[in-house]
Amino acid sequence: MSVTQLTTEDFKKNVFDFTKHKEWNFEGTRPAIIDFYADWCGPCKMVAPILKELSEEYEGKVDFYKVDTEAEQELSYVFGIRSIPSLLFIPTGDKPPMMQAGALPKDVLIKVIETELLAEKKEETVE
């Protein structure tokens, strides 16, 4: 698997339809990470290969998406993106998403995936 490019329409269908819901209502079945980026952004270019690696390591467990902030300005506005890269971490269930601005190293991303996105899943399998 790789990181899937999202348009605003894809986002509404696969992640969250902000035109229909005021409260967060995640449409996905797996936890997700969305990378808000721009082609001209140096730190974004550093994060991209890390996210690609992680998308392969967590294939079938976590979905990885990219949103081009230049092309999808409506989405950038809805999420208040002021700096890029900005990563949106989306757990499943009722937990709200978490936004983190800046380029994060791979070890930090793995820690967030394991503790915030997949921790619930592990708890469910213990029961």
N, C-alpha and C. Protein backbone atom coordinates (compact mmCIF):
# COMPACT_ATOMS: atom_id res chain seq x y z
N MET A 1 0.85 -1.20 0.00
CA MET A 1 0.00 0.00 0.00
C MET A 1 0.88 1.24 0.00
N SER A 2 0.31 2.31 -0.44
CA SER A 2 1.03 3.57 -0.40
C SER A 2 0.14 4.63 0.23
N VAL A 3 0.61 5.84 0.19
CA VAL A 3 -0.15 6.96 0.73
C VAL A 3 -1.12 7.44 -0.36
N THR A 4 -2.40 7.48 -0.05
CA THR A 4 -3.43 7.83 -1.02
C THR A 4 -3.68 9.34 -1.04
N GLN A 5 -3.66 9.92 -2.23
CA GLN A 5 -3.95 11.34 -2.40
C GLN A 5 -5.46 11.56 -2.23
N LEU A 6 -5.84 12.55 -1.45
CA LEU A 6 -7.26 12.84 -1.22
C LEU A 6 -7.65 14.19 -1.81
N THR A 7 -8.78 14.19 -2.51
CA THR A 7 -9.41 15.45 -2.89
C THR A 7 -10.43 15.77 -1.80
N THR A 8 -11.01 16.94 -1.85
CA THR A 8 -12.04 17.30 -0.87
C THR A 8 -13.20 16.31 -0.95
N GLU A 9 -13.61 15.94 -2.16
CA GLU A 9 -14.72 14.98 -2.32
C GLU A 9 -14.37 13.62 -1.73
N ASP A 10 -13.13 13.13 -1.99
CA ASP A 10 -12.69 11.86 -1.41
C ASP A 10 -12.69 11.94 0.11
N PHE A 11 -12.23 13.07 0.62
CA PHE A 11 -12.16 13.28 2.06
C PHE A 11 -13.56 13.15 2.68
N LYS A 12 -14.54 13.81 2.06
CA LYS A 12 -15.91 13.77 2.58
C LYS A 12 -16.45 12.34 2.56
N LYS A 13 -16.10 11.58 1.55
CA LYS A 13 -16.60 10.21 1.41
C LYS A 13 -15.89 9.23 2.34
N ASN A 14 -14.56 9.34 2.45
CA ASN A 14 -13.77 8.33 3.16
C ASN A 14 -13.37 8.69 4.59
N VAL A 15 -13.40 9.99 4.91
CA VAL A 15 -12.91 10.41 6.23
C VAL A 15 -13.99 11.09 7.05
N PHE A 16 -14.44 12.27 6.59
CA PHE A 16 -15.42 13.04 7.36
C PHE A 16 -16.11 14.03 6.44
N ASP A 17 -17.44 13.99 6.42
CA ASP A 17 -18.19 14.93 5.60
C ASP A 17 -18.57 16.14 6.45
N PHE A 18 -17.71 17.15 6.41
CA PHE A 18 -17.91 18.35 7.22
C PHE A 18 -19.06 19.21 6.74
N THR A 19 -19.62 18.91 5.56
CA THR A 19 -20.78 19.66 5.08
C THR A 19 -22.08 19.09 5.65
N LYS A 20 -22.05 17.84 6.13
CA LYS A 20 -23.24 17.20 6.69
C LYS A 20 -23.23 17.15 8.22
N HIS A 21 -22.04 17.07 8.81
CA HIS A 21 -21.93 16.88 10.26
C HIS A 21 -21.15 18.02 10.91
N LYS A 22 -21.64 18.48 12.04
CA LYS A 22 -20.91 19.47 12.83
C LYS A 22 -19.95 18.76 13.78
N GLU A 23 -20.42 17.66 14.36
CA GLU A 23 -19.60 16.87 15.28
C GLU A 23 -18.77 15.88 14.47
N TRP A 24 -17.56 15.58 14.95
CA TRP A 24 -16.68 14.65 14.27
C TRP A 24 -17.38 13.30 14.09
N ASN A 25 -17.36 12.79 12.87
CA ASN A 25 -17.99 11.52 12.54
C ASN A 25 -17.11 10.82 11.51
N PHE A 26 -16.17 10.02 11.98
CA PHE A 26 -15.19 9.37 11.10
C PHE A 26 -15.87 8.30 10.25
N GLU A 27 -15.66 8.39 8.94
CA GLU A 27 -16.27 7.45 7.99
C GLU A 27 -15.43 6.19 7.78
N GLY A 28 -14.17 6.22 8.18
CA GLY A 28 -13.27 5.10 7.92
C GLY A 28 -13.47 3.94 8.87
N THR A 29 -12.88 2.80 8.50
CA THR A 29 -12.98 1.59 9.33
C THR A 29 -11.68 1.31 10.08
N ARG A 30 -10.58 1.95 9.62
CA ARG A 30 -9.28 1.79 10.28
C ARG A 30 -8.77 3.15 10.71
N PRO A 31 -7.90 3.19 11.72
CA PRO A 31 -7.28 4.47 12.07
C PRO A 31 -6.58 5.04 10.84
N ALA A 32 -6.40 6.36 10.82
CA ALA A 32 -5.81 7.00 9.64
C ALA A 32 -4.87 8.13 10.04
N ILE A 33 -3.95 8.42 9.14
CA ILE A 33 -3.08 9.58 9.26
C ILE A 33 -3.20 10.36 7.97
N ILE A 34 -3.45 11.66 8.10
CA ILE A 34 -3.56 12.51 6.92
C ILE A 34 -2.45 13.55 6.96
N ASP A 35 -1.68 13.59 5.91
CA ASP A 35 -0.56 14.52 5.77
C ASP A 35 -1.02 15.71 4.93
N PHE A 36 -1.15 16.87 5.56
CA PHE A 36 -1.45 18.11 4.84
C PHE A 36 -0.11 18.70 4.41
N TYR A 37 0.11 18.82 3.10
CA TYR A 37 1.43 19.18 2.58
C TYR A 37 1.30 20.12 1.38
N ALA A 38 2.45 20.59 0.90
CA ALA A 38 2.54 21.32 -0.37
C ALA A 38 3.81 20.85 -1.07
N ASP A 39 3.78 20.86 -2.39
CA ASP A 39 4.92 20.38 -3.18
C ASP A 39 6.19 21.18 -2.94
N TRP A 40 6.06 22.48 -2.63
CA TRP A 40 7.23 23.34 -2.46
C TRP A 40 7.83 23.28 -1.05
N CYS A 41 7.20 22.55 -0.14
CA CYS A 41 7.58 22.53 1.28
C CYS A 41 8.71 21.53 1.54
N GLY A 42 9.87 22.03 1.98
CA GLY A 42 11.01 21.17 2.28
C GLY A 42 10.74 20.12 3.34
N PRO A 43 10.24 20.52 4.53
CA PRO A 43 9.94 19.53 5.57
C PRO A 43 8.91 18.48 5.10
N CYS A 44 7.97 18.90 4.24
CA CYS A 44 6.97 17.95 3.71
C CYS A 44 7.67 16.86 2.90
N LYS A 45 8.68 17.27 2.13
CA LYS A 45 9.42 16.32 1.31
C LYS A 45 10.22 15.34 2.18
N MET A 46 10.61 15.77 3.38
CA MET A 46 11.33 14.88 4.30
C MET A 46 10.37 13.87 4.93
N VAL A 47 9.14 14.27 5.20
CA VAL A 47 8.16 13.40 5.85
C VAL A 47 7.57 12.37 4.87
N ALA A 48 7.44 12.74 3.60
CA ALA A 48 6.77 11.88 2.62
C ALA A 48 7.33 10.46 2.55
N PRO A 49 8.66 10.26 2.43
CA PRO A 49 9.15 8.88 2.37
C PRO A 49 8.95 8.10 3.67
N ILE A 50 8.97 8.80 4.80
CA ILE A 50 8.71 8.14 6.09
C ILE A 50 7.28 7.64 6.13
N LEU A 51 6.34 8.47 5.69
CA LEU A 51 4.94 8.04 5.68
C LEU A 51 4.73 6.88 4.71
N LYS A 52 5.43 6.89 3.59
CA LYS A 52 5.33 5.78 2.64
C LYS A 52 5.81 4.48 3.29
N GLU A 53 6.96 4.54 3.98
CA GLU A 53 7.49 3.37 4.69
C GLU A 53 6.47 2.87 5.72
N LEU A 54 5.93 3.80 6.51
CA LEU A 54 4.97 3.41 7.54
C LEU A 54 3.70 2.83 6.93
N SER A 55 3.29 3.35 5.76
CA SER A 55 2.08 2.82 5.12
C SER A 55 2.28 1.36 4.74
N GLU A 56 3.52 0.99 4.42
CA GLU A 56 3.82 -0.41 4.11
C GLU A 56 3.92 -1.24 5.38
N GLU A 57 4.54 -0.69 6.43
CA GLU A 57 4.70 -1.42 7.69
C GLU A 57 3.36 -1.64 8.39
N TYR A 58 2.43 -0.70 8.25
CA TYR A 58 1.14 -0.81 8.94
C TYR A 58 0.00 -1.10 7.96
N GLU A 59 0.33 -1.70 6.82
CA GLU A 59 -0.68 -2.02 5.81
C GLU A 59 -1.77 -2.89 6.43
N GLY A 60 -3.03 -2.50 6.18
CA GLY A 60 -4.16 -3.24 6.72
C GLY A 60 -4.52 -2.85 8.15
N LYS A 61 -3.69 -2.01 8.79
CA LYS A 61 -3.95 -1.59 10.17
C LYS A 61 -4.25 -0.10 10.26
N VAL A 62 -3.54 0.70 9.46
CA VAL A 62 -3.69 2.16 9.46
C VAL A 62 -3.73 2.63 8.02
N ASP A 63 -4.66 3.54 7.70
CA ASP A 63 -4.73 4.12 6.36
C ASP A 63 -3.94 5.43 6.35
N PHE A 64 -3.21 5.67 5.27
CA PHE A 64 -2.40 6.87 5.13
C PHE A 64 -2.89 7.68 3.93
N TYR A 65 -3.11 8.98 4.17
CA TYR A 65 -3.61 9.87 3.12
C TYR A 65 -2.75 11.13 3.04
N LYS A 66 -2.80 11.80 1.88
CA LYS A 66 -2.14 13.09 1.69
C LYS A 66 -3.16 14.07 1.15
N VAL A 67 -3.08 15.31 1.61
CA VAL A 67 -3.92 16.38 1.09
C VAL A 67 -3.01 17.52 0.67
N ASP A 68 -3.06 17.87 -0.61
CA ASP A 68 -2.29 18.98 -1.15
C ASP A 68 -3.00 20.28 -0.74
N THR A 69 -2.38 21.03 0.16
CA THR A 69 -3.03 22.24 0.69
C THR A 69 -3.22 23.32 -0.37
N GLU A 70 -2.41 23.27 -1.42
CA GLU A 70 -2.56 24.25 -2.51
C GLU A 70 -3.80 23.93 -3.35
N ALA A 71 -4.00 22.65 -3.64
CA ALA A 71 -5.12 22.22 -4.49
C ALA A 71 -6.43 22.13 -3.70
N GLU A 72 -6.33 21.78 -2.43
CA GLU A 72 -7.54 21.55 -1.61
C GLU A 72 -7.63 22.61 -0.51
N GLN A 73 -7.80 23.86 -0.92
CA GLN A 73 -7.80 24.97 0.03
C GLN A 73 -9.00 24.92 0.98
N GLU A 74 -10.12 24.40 0.53
CA GLU A 74 -11.30 24.29 1.40
C GLU A 74 -10.99 23.38 2.59
N LEU A 75 -10.36 22.24 2.33
CA LEU A 75 -10.00 21.32 3.42
C LEU A 75 -9.00 21.97 4.36
N SER A 76 -8.03 22.67 3.81
CA SER A 76 -7.03 23.35 4.64
C SER A 76 -7.70 24.37 5.55
N TYR A 77 -8.69 25.06 5.02
CA TYR A 77 -9.42 26.06 5.80
C TYR A 77 -10.24 25.39 6.91
N VAL A 78 -10.96 24.32 6.56
CA VAL A 78 -11.81 23.62 7.53
C VAL A 78 -10.98 23.14 8.73
N PHE A 79 -9.75 22.67 8.47
CA PHE A 79 -8.91 22.16 9.55
C PHE A 79 -7.95 23.20 10.11
N GLY A 80 -8.07 24.44 9.64
CA GLY A 80 -7.25 25.52 10.18
C GLY A 80 -5.76 25.31 9.98
N ILE A 81 -5.38 24.76 8.83
CA ILE A 81 -3.96 24.50 8.56
C ILE A 81 -3.25 25.84 8.37
N ARG A 82 -2.28 26.11 9.25
CA ARG A 82 -1.51 27.34 9.17
C ARG A 82 -0.05 27.08 8.85
N SER A 83 0.40 25.87 9.15
CA SER A 83 1.78 25.50 8.82
C SER A 83 1.78 24.08 8.29
N ILE A 84 2.74 23.81 7.42
CA ILE A 84 2.85 22.48 6.85
C ILE A 84 4.27 21.96 7.01
N PRO A 85 4.46 20.67 7.13
CA PRO A 85 3.39 19.70 7.12
C PRO A 85 2.58 19.74 8.42
N SER A 86 1.33 19.38 8.32
CA SER A 86 0.49 19.15 9.49
C SER A 86 -0.09 17.75 9.33
N LEU A 87 -0.01 16.99 10.40
CA LEU A 87 -0.49 15.61 10.36
C LEU A 87 -1.73 15.48 11.23
N LEU A 88 -2.76 14.88 10.66
CA LEU A 88 -4.00 14.62 11.39
C LEU A 88 -4.03 13.14 11.71
N PHE A 89 -4.01 12.81 13.00
CA PHE A 89 -4.07 11.42 13.46
C PHE A 89 -5.51 11.11 13.83
N ILE A 90 -6.09 10.10 13.19
CA ILE A 90 -7.50 9.80 13.39
C ILE A 90 -7.68 8.40 13.97
N PRO A 91 -8.00 8.31 15.27
CA PRO A 91 -8.30 6.99 15.84
C PRO A 91 -9.71 6.57 15.43
N THR A 92 -10.03 5.30 15.61
CA THR A 92 -11.39 4.85 15.33
C THR A 92 -12.23 5.04 16.59
N GLY A 93 -13.53 4.86 16.46
CA GLY A 93 -14.42 5.01 17.60
C GLY A 93 -14.74 6.47 17.87
N ASP A 94 -15.00 6.78 19.12
CA ASP A 94 -15.44 8.12 19.50
C ASP A 94 -14.30 9.09 19.77
N LYS A 95 -13.07 8.59 19.78
CA LYS A 95 -11.93 9.47 20.08
C LYS A 95 -11.80 10.54 18.99
N PRO A 96 -11.59 11.79 19.39
CA PRO A 96 -11.42 12.86 18.39
C PRO A 96 -10.05 12.77 17.73
N PRO A 97 -9.94 13.32 16.52
CA PRO A 97 -8.64 13.33 15.85
C PRO A 97 -7.68 14.30 16.53
N MET A 98 -6.38 14.09 16.29
CA MET A 98 -5.35 14.95 16.88
C MET A 98 -4.52 15.55 15.75
N MET A 99 -4.33 16.85 15.77
CA MET A 99 -3.53 17.53 14.75
C MET A 99 -2.16 17.84 15.32
N GLN A 100 -1.12 17.59 14.54
CA GLN A 100 0.25 17.90 14.94
C GLN A 100 0.94 18.61 13.79
N ALA A 101 1.38 19.82 14.04
CA ALA A 101 2.09 20.58 13.01
C ALA A 101 3.57 20.25 13.07
N GLY A 102 4.22 20.25 11.93
CA GLY A 102 5.66 20.04 11.86
C GLY A 102 6.03 18.64 11.40
N ALA A 103 7.26 18.53 10.94
CA ALA A 103 7.79 17.25 10.48
C ALA A 103 8.20 16.42 11.69
N LEU A 104 7.60 15.26 11.83
CA LEU A 104 7.91 14.38 12.95
C LEU A 104 8.84 13.26 12.48
N PRO A 105 9.83 12.87 13.31
CA PRO A 105 10.70 11.75 12.94
C PRO A 105 9.93 10.43 13.01
N LYS A 106 10.46 9.43 12.33
CA LYS A 106 9.79 8.13 12.23
C LYS A 106 9.49 7.52 13.60
N ASP A 107 10.45 7.58 14.54
CA ASP A 107 10.22 6.97 15.85
C ASP A 107 9.06 7.62 16.59
N VAL A 108 8.88 8.92 16.43
CA VAL A 108 7.76 9.61 17.07
C VAL A 108 6.44 9.20 16.40
N LEU A 109 6.45 9.10 15.09
CA LEU A 109 5.25 8.66 14.37
C LEU A 109 4.85 7.25 14.79
N ILE A 110 5.82 6.36 14.92
CA ILE A 110 5.52 4.99 15.35
C ILE A 110 4.92 5.00 16.74
N LYS A 111 5.47 5.81 17.63
CA LYS A 111 4.95 5.88 19.00
C LYS A 111 3.49 6.35 19.00
N VAL A 112 3.17 7.37 18.21
CA VAL A 112 1.79 7.87 18.13
C VAL A 112 0.87 6.78 17.56
N ILE A 113 1.33 6.10 16.51
CA ILE A 113 0.52 5.04 15.91
C ILE A 113 0.24 3.95 16.96
N GLU A 114 1.27 3.52 17.64
CA GLU A 114 1.12 2.43 18.60
C GLU A 114 0.29 2.83 19.83
N THR A 115 0.52 4.03 20.35
CA THR A 115 -0.15 4.41 21.61
C THR A 115 -1.52 5.06 21.40
N GLU A 116 -1.68 5.81 20.31
CA GLU A 116 -2.93 6.54 20.11
C GLU A 116 -3.88 5.89 19.10
N LEU A 117 -3.33 5.31 18.04
CA LEU A 117 -4.19 4.78 16.99
C LEU A 117 -4.47 3.29 17.14
N LEU A 118 -3.48 2.52 17.60
CA LEU A 118 -3.66 1.07 17.68
C LEU A 118 -3.86 0.55 19.10
N ALA A 119 -3.70 1.40 20.10
CA ALA A 119 -3.83 0.96 21.49
C ALA A 119 -5.21 0.37 21.77
N GLU A 120 -6.26 1.00 21.24
CA GLU A 120 -7.63 0.50 21.43
C GLU A 120 -7.78 -0.90 20.87
N LYS A 121 -7.23 -1.12 19.70
CA LYS A 121 -7.33 -2.41 19.04
C LYS A 121 -6.71 -3.50 19.90
N LYS A 122 -5.54 -3.20 20.50
CA LYS A 122 -4.88 -4.18 21.34
C LYS A 122 -5.71 -4.50 22.57
N GLU A 123 -6.33 -3.46 23.15
CA GLU A 123 -7.18 -3.67 24.33
C GLU A 123 -8.37 -4.57 23.98
N GLU A 124 -8.94 -4.36 22.78
CA GLU A 124 -10.08 -5.16 22.37
C GLU A 124 -9.72 -6.62 22.25
N THR A 125 -8.53 -6.94 21.77
CA THR A 125 -8.14 -8.33 21.57
C THR A 125 -7.81 -9.02 22.88
N VAL A 126 -7.49 -8.26 23.93
CA VAL A 126 -7.17 -8.85 25.23
C VAL A 126 -8.42 -9.40 25.89
N GLU A 127 -9.53 -8.72 25.71
CA GLU A 127 -10.78 -9.12 26.39
C GLU A 127 -11.27 -10.49 25.98
